[in-house]
PDB file of all heavy atoms in Angstrom:
ATOM      1  N   PHE A   1     -13.516 -26.782   4.795  1.00  0.00           N
ATOM      2  CA  PHE A   1     -14.538 -25.754   4.680  1.00  0.00           C
ATOM      3  C   PHE A   1     -14.846 -25.568   3.208  1.00  0.00           C
ATOM      4  O   PHE A   1     -13.941 -25.368   2.404  1.00  0.00           O
ATOM      5  CB  PHE A   1     -14.040 -24.431   5.287  1.00  0.00           C
ATOM      6  CG  PHE A   1     -15.020 -23.313   5.169  1.00  0.00           C
ATOM      7  CD1 PHE A   1     -16.072 -23.191   6.063  1.00  0.00           C
ATOM      8  CD2 PHE A   1     -14.910 -22.376   4.149  1.00  0.00           C
ATOM      9  CE1 PHE A   1     -16.992 -22.160   5.961  1.00  0.00           C
ATOM     10  CE2 PHE A   1     -15.821 -21.341   4.033  1.00  0.00           C
ATOM     11  CZ  PHE A   1     -16.864 -21.235   4.933  1.00  0.00           C
ATOM     12  N   ALA A   2     -16.116 -25.640   2.868  1.00  0.00           N
ATOM     13  CA  ALA A   2     -16.530 -25.442   1.484  1.00  0.00           C
ATOM     14  C   ALA A   2     -17.004 -24.006   1.317  1.00  0.00           C
ATOM     15  O   ALA A   2     -17.979 -23.580   1.945  1.00  0.00           O
ATOM     16  CB  ALA A   2     -17.652 -26.408   1.126  1.00  0.00           C
ATOM     17  N   PHE A   3     -16.281 -23.235   0.508  1.00  0.00           N
ATOM     18  CA  PHE A   3     -16.698 -21.871   0.205  1.00  0.00           C
ATOM     19  C   PHE A   3     -17.905 -21.946  -0.724  1.00  0.00           C
ATOM     20  O   PHE A   3     -17.876 -22.664  -1.719  1.00  0.00           O
ATOM     21  CB  PHE A   3     -15.568 -21.105  -0.499  1.00  0.00           C
ATOM     22  CG  PHE A   3     -14.457 -20.712   0.418  1.00  0.00           C
ATOM     23  CD1 PHE A   3     -13.345 -21.521   0.557  1.00  0.00           C
ATOM     24  CD2 PHE A   3     -14.521 -19.530   1.142  1.00  0.00           C
ATOM     25  CE1 PHE A   3     -12.317 -21.158   1.408  1.00  0.00           C
ATOM     26  CE2 PHE A   3     -13.496 -19.157   1.988  1.00  0.00           C
ATOM     27  CZ  PHE A   3     -12.390 -19.971   2.125  1.00  0.00           C
ATOM     28  N   ARG A   4     -18.942 -21.201  -0.374  1.00  0.00           N
ATOM     29  CA  ARG A   4     -20.144 -21.182  -1.210  1.00  0.00           C
ATOM     30  C   ARG A   4     -20.504 -19.728  -1.521  1.00  0.00           C
ATOM     31  O   ARG A   4     -20.890 -18.978  -0.629  1.00  0.00           O
ATOM     32  CB  ARG A   4     -21.291 -21.885  -0.502  1.00  0.00           C
ATOM     33  CG  ARG A   4     -21.071 -23.379  -0.398  1.00  0.00           C
ATOM     34  CD  ARG A   4     -22.290 -24.082   0.156  1.00  0.00           C
ATOM     35  NE  ARG A   4     -22.105 -25.510   0.085  1.00  0.00           N
ATOM     36  CZ  ARG A   4     -21.615 -26.242   1.071  1.00  0.00           C
ATOM     37  NH1 ARG A   4     -21.259 -25.675   2.199  1.00  0.00           N
ATOM     38  NH2 ARG A   4     -21.470 -27.547   0.925  1.00  0.00           N
ATOM     39  N   TYR A   5     -20.375 -19.393  -2.781  1.00  0.00           N
ATOM     40  CA  TYR A   5     -20.703 -18.047  -3.252  1.00  0.00           C
ATOM     41  C   TYR A   5     -21.519 -18.177  -4.527  1.00  0.00           C
ATOM     42  O   TYR A   5     -21.561 -19.247  -5.139  1.00  0.00           O
ATOM     43  CB  TYR A   5     -19.418 -17.232  -3.492  1.00  0.00           C
ATOM     44  CG  TYR A   5     -18.702 -16.944  -2.192  1.00  0.00           C
ATOM     45  CD1 TYR A   5     -17.734 -17.810  -1.706  1.00  0.00           C
ATOM     46  CD2 TYR A   5     -19.032 -15.837  -1.428  1.00  0.00           C
ATOM     47  CE1 TYR A   5     -17.100 -17.559  -0.497  1.00  0.00           C
ATOM     48  CE2 TYR A   5     -18.406 -15.574  -0.224  1.00  0.00           C
ATOM     49  CZ  TYR A   5     -17.442 -16.444   0.242  1.00  0.00           C
ATOM     50  OH  TYR A   5     -16.826 -16.204   1.437  1.00  0.00           O
ATOM     51  N   ARG A   6     -22.151 -17.099  -4.928  1.00  0.00           N
ATOM     52  CA  ARG A   6     -23.007 -17.150  -6.121  1.00  0.00           C
ATOM     53  C   ARG A   6     -22.216 -17.470  -7.383  1.00  0.00           C
ATOM     54  O   ARG A   6     -22.733 -18.081  -8.315  1.00  0.00           O
ATOM     55  CB  ARG A   6     -23.741 -15.823  -6.295  1.00  0.00           C
ATOM     56  CG  ARG A   6     -24.769 -15.547  -5.213  1.00  0.00           C
ATOM     57  CD  ARG A   6     -25.600 -14.309  -5.515  1.00  0.00           C
ATOM     58  NE  ARG A   6     -24.826 -13.108  -5.644  1.00  0.00           N
ATOM     59  CZ  ARG A   6     -24.651 -12.203  -4.684  1.00  0.00           C
ATOM     60  NH1 ARG A   6     -25.223 -12.375  -3.513  1.00  0.00           N
ATOM     61  NH2 ARG A   6     -23.937 -11.118  -4.888  1.00  0.00           N
ATOM     62  N   SER A   7     -20.953 -17.019  -7.416  1.00  0.00           N
ATOM     63  CA  SER A   7     -20.126 -17.201  -8.604  1.00  0.00           C
ATOM     64  C   SER A   7     -18.683 -16.925  -8.207  1.00  0.00           C
ATOM     65  O   SER A   7     -18.427 -16.368  -7.138  1.00  0.00           O
ATOM     66  CB  SER A   7     -20.548 -16.220  -9.700  1.00  0.00           C
ATOM     67  OG  SER A   7     -20.274 -14.890  -9.263  1.00  0.00           O
ATOM     68  N   PRO A   8     -17.735 -17.260  -9.073  1.00  0.00           N
ATOM     69  CA  PRO A   8     -16.344 -16.877  -8.785  1.00  0.00           C
ATOM     70  C   PRO A   8     -16.191 -15.360  -8.641  1.00  0.00           C
ATOM     71  O   PRO A   8     -15.444 -14.881  -7.790  1.00  0.00           O
ATOM     72  CB  PRO A   8     -15.575 -17.403  -9.998  1.00  0.00           C
ATOM     73  CG  PRO A   8     -16.397 -18.537 -10.508  1.00  0.00           C
ATOM     74  CD  PRO A   8     -17.831 -18.128 -10.250  1.00  0.00           C
ATOM     75  N   GLU A   9     -16.933 -14.612  -9.440  1.00  0.00           N
ATOM     76  CA  GLU A   9     -16.867 -13.150  -9.353  1.00  0.00           C
ATOM     77  C   GLU A   9     -17.360 -12.652  -7.994  1.00  0.00           C
ATOM     78  O   GLU A   9     -16.802 -11.710  -7.427  1.00  0.00           O
ATOM     79  CB  GLU A   9     -17.690 -12.504 -10.480  1.00  0.00           C
ATOM     80  CG  GLU A   9     -17.139 -12.728 -11.871  1.00  0.00           C
ATOM     81  CD  GLU A   9     -17.456 -14.111 -12.462  1.00  0.00           C
ATOM     82  OE1 GLU A   9     -18.294 -14.855 -11.899  1.00  0.00           O
ATOM     83  OE2 GLU A   9     -16.853 -14.463 -13.484  1.00  0.00           O
ATOM     84  N   HIS A  10     -18.400 -13.281  -7.481  1.00  0.00           N
ATOM     85  CA  HIS A  10     -18.927 -12.920  -6.167  1.00  0.00           C
ATOM     86  C   HIS A  10     -17.885 -13.207  -5.092  1.00  0.00           C
ATOM     87  O   HIS A  10     -17.690 -12.409  -4.175  1.00  0.00           O
ATOM     88  CB  HIS A  10     -20.238 -13.672  -5.898  1.00  0.00           C
ATOM     89  CG  HIS A  10     -20.870 -13.325  -4.593  1.00  0.00           C
ATOM     90  ND1 HIS A  10     -21.184 -14.270  -3.650  1.00  0.00           N
ATOM     91  CD2 HIS A  10     -21.243 -12.124  -4.076  1.00  0.00           C
ATOM     92  CE1 HIS A  10     -21.726 -13.672  -2.604  1.00  0.00           C
ATOM     93  NE2 HIS A  10     -21.775 -12.380  -2.826  1.00  0.00           N
ATOM     94  N   TRP A  11     -17.203 -14.352  -5.186  1.00  0.00           N
ATOM     95  CA  TRP A  11     -16.143 -14.673  -4.227  1.00  0.00           C
ATOM     96  C   TRP A  11     -15.074 -13.586  -4.252  1.00  0.00           C
ATOM     97  O   TRP A  11     -14.653 -13.088  -3.204  1.00  0.00           O
ATOM     98  CB  TRP A  11     -15.516 -16.035  -4.539  1.00  0.00           C
ATOM     99  CG  TRP A  11     -14.471 -16.413  -3.545  1.00  0.00           C
ATOM    100  CD1 TRP A  11     -14.650 -17.134  -2.404  1.00  0.00           C
ATOM    101  CD2 TRP A  11     -13.076 -16.072  -3.588  1.00  0.00           C
ATOM    102  NE1 TRP A  11     -13.459 -17.249  -1.733  1.00  0.00           N
ATOM    103  CE2 TRP A  11     -12.474 -16.614  -2.438  1.00  0.00           C
ATOM    104  CE3 TRP A  11     -12.271 -15.358  -4.478  1.00  0.00           C
ATOM    105  CZ2 TRP A  11     -11.124 -16.468  -2.154  1.00  0.00           C
ATOM    106  CZ3 TRP A  11     -10.926 -15.207  -4.195  1.00  0.00           C
ATOM    107  CH2 TRP A  11     -10.354 -15.769  -3.045  1.00  0.00           C
ATOM    108  N   VAL A  12     -14.622 -13.188  -5.449  1.00  0.00           N
ATOM    109  CA  VAL A  12     -13.598 -12.149  -5.563  1.00  0.00           C
ATOM    110  C   VAL A  12     -14.108 -10.855  -4.956  1.00  0.00           C
ATOM    111  O   VAL A  12     -13.385 -10.179  -4.205  1.00  0.00           O
ATOM    112  CB  VAL A  12     -13.164 -11.949  -7.037  1.00  0.00           C
ATOM    113  CG1 VAL A  12     -12.282 -10.719  -7.168  1.00  0.00           C
ATOM    114  CG2 VAL A  12     -12.428 -13.181  -7.544  1.00  0.00           C
ATOM    115  N   GLU A  13     -15.344 -10.500  -5.236  1.00  0.00           N
ATOM    116  CA  GLU A  13     -15.919  -9.257  -4.689  1.00  0.00           C
ATOM    117  C   GLU A  13     -15.900  -9.272  -3.156  1.00  0.00           C
ATOM    118  O   GLU A  13     -15.485  -8.303  -2.527  1.00  0.00           O
ATOM    119  CB  GLU A  13     -17.352  -9.100  -5.199  1.00  0.00           C
ATOM    120  CG  GLU A  13     -18.090  -7.922  -4.599  1.00  0.00           C
ATOM    121  CD  GLU A  13     -19.573  -7.926  -4.974  1.00  0.00           C
ATOM    122  OE1 GLU A  13     -19.936  -8.492  -6.019  1.00  0.00           O
ATOM    123  OE2 GLU A  13     -20.350  -7.359  -4.190  1.00  0.00           O
ATOM    124  N   ILE A  14     -16.344 -10.363  -2.564  1.00  0.00           N
ATOM    125  CA  ILE A  14     -16.394 -10.459  -1.099  1.00  0.00           C
ATOM    126  C   ILE A  14     -14.985 -10.417  -0.513  1.00  0.00           C
ATOM    127  O   ILE A  14     -14.710  -9.660   0.424  1.00  0.00           O
ATOM    128  CB  ILE A  14     -17.127 -11.746  -0.665  1.00  0.00           C
ATOM    129  CG1 ILE A  14     -18.599 -11.690  -1.077  1.00  0.00           C
ATOM    130  CG2 ILE A  14     -16.971 -11.997   0.835  1.00  0.00           C
ATOM    131  CD1 ILE A  14     -19.404 -10.572  -0.455  1.00  0.00           C
ATOM    132  N   PHE A  15     -14.064 -11.217  -1.043  1.00  0.00           N
ATOM    133  CA  PHE A  15     -12.706 -11.254  -0.496  1.00  0.00           C
ATOM    134  C   PHE A  15     -11.955  -9.953  -0.756  1.00  0.00           C
ATOM    135  O   PHE A  15     -11.189  -9.489   0.080  1.00  0.00           O
ATOM    136  CB  PHE A  15     -11.945 -12.465  -1.031  1.00  0.00           C
ATOM    137  CG  PHE A  15     -12.090 -13.662  -0.143  1.00  0.00           C
ATOM    138  CD1 PHE A  15     -13.330 -14.253   0.050  1.00  0.00           C
ATOM    139  CD2 PHE A  15     -11.002 -14.193   0.521  1.00  0.00           C
ATOM    140  CE1 PHE A  15     -13.485 -15.339   0.885  1.00  0.00           C
ATOM    141  CE2 PHE A  15     -11.145 -15.284   1.356  1.00  0.00           C
ATOM    142  CZ  PHE A  15     -12.390 -15.860   1.542  1.00  0.00           C
ATOM    143  N   ARG A  16     -12.201  -9.354  -1.905  1.00  0.00           N
ATOM    144  CA  ARG A  16     -11.548  -8.079  -2.227  1.00  0.00           C
ATOM    145  C   ARG A  16     -12.017  -6.980  -1.280  1.00  0.00           C
ATOM    146  O   ARG A  16     -11.247  -6.119  -0.871  1.00  0.00           O
ATOM    147  CB  ARG A  16     -11.869  -7.707  -3.664  1.00  0.00           C
ATOM    148  CG  ARG A  16     -11.284  -6.395  -4.099  1.00  0.00           C
ATOM    149  CD  ARG A  16     -11.663  -6.106  -5.522  1.00  0.00           C
ATOM    150  NE  ARG A  16     -11.084  -4.845  -5.957  1.00  0.00           N
ATOM    151  CZ  ARG A  16     -11.120  -4.399  -7.183  1.00  0.00           C
ATOM    152  NH1 ARG A  16     -11.714  -5.110  -8.119  1.00  0.00           N
ATOM    153  NH2 ARG A  16     -10.569  -3.262  -7.492  1.00  0.00           N
ATOM    154  N   THR A  17     -13.273  -7.014  -0.908  1.00  0.00           N
ATOM    155  CA  THR A  17     -13.851  -5.976  -0.063  1.00  0.00           C
ATOM    156  C   THR A  17     -13.558  -6.198   1.422  1.00  0.00           C
ATOM    157  O   THR A  17     -13.221  -5.259   2.132  1.00  0.00           O
ATOM    158  CB  THR A  17     -15.377  -5.912  -0.274  1.00  0.00           C
ATOM    159  OG1 THR A  17     -15.634  -5.684  -1.658  1.00  0.00           O
ATOM    160  CG2 THR A  17     -16.008  -4.812   0.564  1.00  0.00           C
ATOM    161  N   PHE A  18     -13.650  -7.446   1.892  1.00  0.00           N
ATOM    162  CA  PHE A  18     -13.655  -7.692   3.327  1.00  0.00           C
ATOM    163  C   PHE A  18     -12.468  -8.480   3.873  1.00  0.00           C
ATOM    164  O   PHE A  18     -12.326  -8.566   5.088  1.00  0.00           O
ATOM    165  CB  PHE A  18     -14.949  -8.424   3.721  1.00  0.00           C
ATOM    166  CG  PHE A  18     -16.184  -7.640   3.426  1.00  0.00           C
ATOM    167  CD1 PHE A  18     -17.035  -8.023   2.409  1.00  0.00           C
ATOM    168  CD2 PHE A  18     -16.489  -6.497   4.145  1.00  0.00           C
ATOM    169  CE1 PHE A  18     -18.182  -7.295   2.123  1.00  0.00           C
ATOM    170  CE2 PHE A  18     -17.630  -5.762   3.870  1.00  0.00           C
ATOM    171  CZ  PHE A  18     -18.483  -6.163   2.857  1.00  0.00           C
ATOM    172  N   TYR A  19     -11.662  -9.085   3.031  1.00  0.00           N
ATOM    173  CA  TYR A  19     -10.581  -9.942   3.530  1.00  0.00           C
ATOM    174  C   TYR A  19      -9.255  -9.208   3.363  1.00  0.00           C
ATOM    175  O   TYR A  19      -8.788  -8.986   2.243  1.00  0.00           O
ATOM    176  CB  TYR A  19     -10.587 -11.283   2.783  1.00  0.00           C
ATOM    177  CG  TYR A  19      -9.797 -12.335   3.498  1.00  0.00           C
ATOM    178  CD1 TYR A  19     -10.217 -12.840   4.714  1.00  0.00           C
ATOM    179  CD2 TYR A  19      -8.609 -12.811   2.966  1.00  0.00           C
ATOM    180  CE1 TYR A  19      -9.488 -13.795   5.382  1.00  0.00           C
ATOM    181  CE2 TYR A  19      -7.879 -13.773   3.623  1.00  0.00           C
ATOM    182  CZ  TYR A  19      -8.318 -14.259   4.831  1.00  0.00           C
ATOM    183  OH  TYR A  19      -7.589 -15.206   5.497  1.00  0.00           O
ATOM    184  N   GLY A  20      -8.664  -8.808   4.482  1.00  0.00           N
ATOM    185  CA  GLY A  20      -7.492  -7.947   4.506  1.00  0.00           C
ATOM    186  C   GLY A  20      -6.406  -8.264   3.500  1.00  0.00           C
ATOM    187  O   GLY A  20      -5.995  -7.382   2.731  1.00  0.00           O
ATOM    188  N   PRO A  21      -5.886  -9.498   3.469  1.00  0.00           N
ATOM    189  CA  PRO A  21      -4.795  -9.786   2.531  1.00  0.00           C
ATOM    190  C   PRO A  21      -5.176  -9.576   1.066  1.00  0.00           C
ATOM    191  O   PRO A  21      -4.382  -9.044   0.282  1.00  0.00           O
ATOM    192  CB  PRO A  21      -4.461 -11.258   2.813  1.00  0.00           C
ATOM    193  CG  PRO A  21      -4.894 -11.476   4.225  1.00  0.00           C
ATOM    194  CD  PRO A  21      -6.123 -10.620   4.390  1.00  0.00           C
ATOM    195  N   VAL A  22      -6.384  -9.953   0.687  1.00  0.00           N
ATOM    196  CA  VAL A  22      -6.820  -9.783  -0.702  1.00  0.00           C
ATOM    197  C   VAL A  22      -7.085  -8.301  -0.976  1.00  0.00           C
ATOM    198  O   VAL A  22      -6.722  -7.785  -2.040  1.00  0.00           O
ATOM    199  CB  VAL A  22      -8.064 -10.646  -1.004  1.00  0.00           C
ATOM    200  CG1 VAL A  22      -8.585 -10.389  -2.409  1.00  0.00           C
ATOM    201  CG2 VAL A  22      -7.735 -12.125  -0.818  1.00  0.00           C
ATOM    202  N   HIS A  23      -7.664  -7.614  -0.010  1.00  0.00           N
ATOM    203  CA  HIS A  23      -7.880  -6.173  -0.149  1.00  0.00           C
ATOM    204  C   HIS A  23      -6.555  -5.458  -0.380  1.00  0.00           C
ATOM    205  O   HIS A  23      -6.435  -4.607  -1.277  1.00  0.00           O
ATOM    206  CB  HIS A  23      -8.582  -5.646   1.109  1.00  0.00           C
ATOM    207  CG  HIS A  23      -8.833  -4.180   1.088  1.00  0.00           C
ATOM    208  ND1 HIS A  23      -9.868  -3.612   0.396  1.00  0.00           N
ATOM    209  CD2 HIS A  23      -8.161  -3.158   1.675  1.00  0.00           C
ATOM    210  CE1 HIS A  23      -9.838  -2.308   0.552  1.00  0.00           C
ATOM    211  NE2 HIS A  23      -8.814  -1.998   1.324  1.00  0.00           N
ATOM    212  N   LYS A  24      -5.529  -5.801   0.408  1.00  0.00           N
ATOM    213  CA  LYS A  24      -4.209  -5.186   0.247  1.00  0.00           C
ATOM    214  C   LYS A  24      -3.603  -5.518  -1.111  1.00  0.00           C
ATOM    215  O   LYS A  24      -2.956  -4.672  -1.730  1.00  0.00           O
ATOM    216  CB  LYS A  24      -3.278  -5.656   1.366  1.00  0.00           C
ATOM    217  CG  LYS A  24      -3.557  -4.999   2.702  1.00  0.00           C
ATOM    218  CD  LYS A  24      -2.638  -5.511   3.778  1.00  0.00           C
ATOM    219  CE  LYS A  24      -1.217  -5.099   3.477  1.00  0.00           C
ATOM    220  NZ  LYS A  24      -0.288  -5.465   4.555  1.00  0.00           N
ATOM    221  N   ALA A  25      -3.797  -6.741  -1.582  1.00  0.00           N
ATOM    222  CA  ALA A  25      -3.240  -7.131  -2.883  1.00  0.00           C
ATOM    223  C   ALA A  25      -3.867  -6.298  -4.001  1.00  0.00           C
ATOM    224  O   ALA A  25      -3.164  -5.807  -4.889  1.00  0.00           O
ATOM    225  CB  ALA A  25      -3.458  -8.622  -3.129  1.00  0.00           C
ATOM    226  N   PHE A  26      -5.178  -6.137  -3.966  1.00  0.00           N
ATOM    227  CA  PHE A  26      -5.836  -5.324  -4.989  1.00  0.00           C
ATOM    228  C   PHE A  26      -5.391  -3.872  -4.904  1.00  0.00           C
ATOM    229  O   PHE A  26      -5.169  -3.225  -5.928  1.00  0.00           O
ATOM    230  CB  PHE A  26      -7.364  -5.436  -4.884  1.00  0.00           C
ATOM    231  CG  PHE A  26      -7.926  -6.556  -5.708  1.00  0.00           C
ATOM    232  CD1 PHE A  26      -8.152  -7.809  -5.150  1.00  0.00           C
ATOM    233  CD2 PHE A  26      -8.229  -6.369  -7.045  1.00  0.00           C
ATOM    234  CE1 PHE A  26      -8.664  -8.842  -5.907  1.00  0.00           C
ATOM    235  CE2 PHE A  26      -8.745  -7.398  -7.821  1.00  0.00           C
ATOM    236  CZ  PHE A  26      -8.958  -8.645  -7.250  1.00  0.00           C
ATOM    237  N   ALA A  27      -5.243  -3.339  -3.679  1.00  0.00           N
ATOM    238  CA  ALA A  27      -4.786  -1.958  -3.524  1.00  0.00           C
ATOM    239  C   ALA A  27      -3.382  -1.791  -4.107  1.00  0.00           C
ATOM    240  O   ALA A  27      -3.096  -0.797  -4.777  1.00  0.00           O
ATOM    241  CB  ALA A  27      -4.800  -1.561  -2.046  1.00  0.00           C
ATOM    242  N   ALA A  28      -2.505  -2.768  -3.894  1.00  0.00           N
ATOM    243  CA  ALA A  28      -1.149  -2.702  -4.444  1.00  0.00           C
ATOM    244  C   ALA A  28      -1.184  -2.767  -5.965  1.00  0.00           C
ATOM    245  O   ALA A  28      -0.454  -2.040  -6.642  1.00  0.00           O
ATOM    246  CB  ALA A  28      -0.294  -3.830  -3.879  1.00  0.00           C
ATOM    247  N   LEU A  29      -2.031  -3.634  -6.514  1.00  0.00           N
ATOM    248  CA  LEU A  29      -2.152  -3.734  -7.965  1.00  0.00           C
ATOM    249  C   LEU A  29      -2.692  -2.435  -8.558  1.00  0.00           C
ATOM    250  O   LEU A  29      -2.188  -1.960  -9.576  1.00  0.00           O
ATOM    251  CB  LEU A  29      -3.062  -4.906  -8.341  1.00  0.00           C
ATOM    252  CG  LEU A  29      -2.485  -6.293  -8.137  1.00  0.00           C
ATOM    253  CD1 LEU A  29      -3.576  -7.350  -8.293  1.00  0.00           C
ATOM    254  CD2 LEU A  29      -1.342  -6.550  -9.093  1.00  0.00           C
ATOM    255  N   GLU A  30      -3.702  -1.863  -7.917  1.00  0.00           N
ATOM    256  CA  GLU A  30      -4.270  -0.604  -8.415  1.00  0.00           C
ATOM    257  C   GLU A  30      -3.239   0.519  -8.363  1.00  0.00           C
ATOM    258  O   GLU A  30      -3.151   1.332  -9.289  1.00  0.00           O
ATOM    259  CB  GLU A  30      -5.521  -0.241  -7.623  1.00  0.00           C
ATOM    260  CG  GLU A  30      -6.687  -1.152  -7.938  1.00  0.00           C
ATOM    261  CD  GLU A  30      -7.906  -0.916  -7.066  1.00  0.00           C
ATOM    262  OE1 GLU A  30      -7.796  -0.277  -5.995  1.00  0.00           O
ATOM    263  OE2 GLU A  30      -8.981  -1.390  -7.442  1.00  0.00           O
ATOM    264  N   SER A  31      -2.441   0.519  -7.316  1.00  0.00           N
ATOM    265  CA  SER A  31      -1.381   1.534  -7.207  1.00  0.00           C
ATOM    266  C   SER A  31      -0.342   1.340  -8.321  1.00  0.00           C
ATOM    267  O   SER A  31       0.126   2.315  -8.920  1.00  0.00           O
ATOM    268  CB  SER A  31      -0.713   1.438  -5.833  1.00  0.00           C
ATOM    269  OG  SER A  31       0.345   2.337  -5.726  1.00  0.00           O
ATOM    270  N   ALA A  32      -0.012   0.098  -8.604  1.00  0.00           N
ATOM    271  CA  ALA A  32       0.993  -0.202  -9.635  1.00  0.00           C
ATOM    272  C   ALA A  32       0.522   0.196 -11.029  1.00  0.00           C
ATOM    273  O   ALA A  32       1.312   0.691 -11.829  1.00  0.00           O
ATOM    274  CB  ALA A  32       1.353  -1.680  -9.588  1.00  0.00           C
ATOM    275  N   VAL A  33      -0.770  -0.025 -11.312  1.00  0.00           N
ATOM    276  CA  VAL A  33      -1.274   0.310 -12.648  1.00  0.00           C
ATOM    277  C   VAL A  33      -1.835   1.729 -12.717  1.00  0.00           C
ATOM    278  O   VAL A  33      -2.128   2.217 -13.804  1.00  0.00           O
ATOM    279  CB  VAL A  33      -2.336  -0.705 -13.154  1.00  0.00           C
ATOM    280  CG1 VAL A  33      -1.751  -2.091 -13.260  1.00  0.00           C
ATOM    281  CG2 VAL A  33      -3.568  -0.688 -12.299  1.00  0.00           C
ATOM    282  N   GLY A  34      -1.988   2.374 -11.554  1.00  0.00           N
ATOM    283  CA  GLY A  34      -2.431   3.756 -11.526  1.00  0.00           C
ATOM    284  C   GLY A  34      -3.906   3.992 -11.784  1.00  0.00           C
ATOM    285  O   GLY A  34      -4.312   5.077 -12.160  1.00  0.00           O
TER     286      GLY A  34
END
């Protein structure tokens, strides 16, 4: 499967917002840094 997004930043935005494991990772990082 070839991922096609406007940019690497767009890929991060989509996965951070809609993909559970990545969303949880960002939430954990945000909690750690406050």
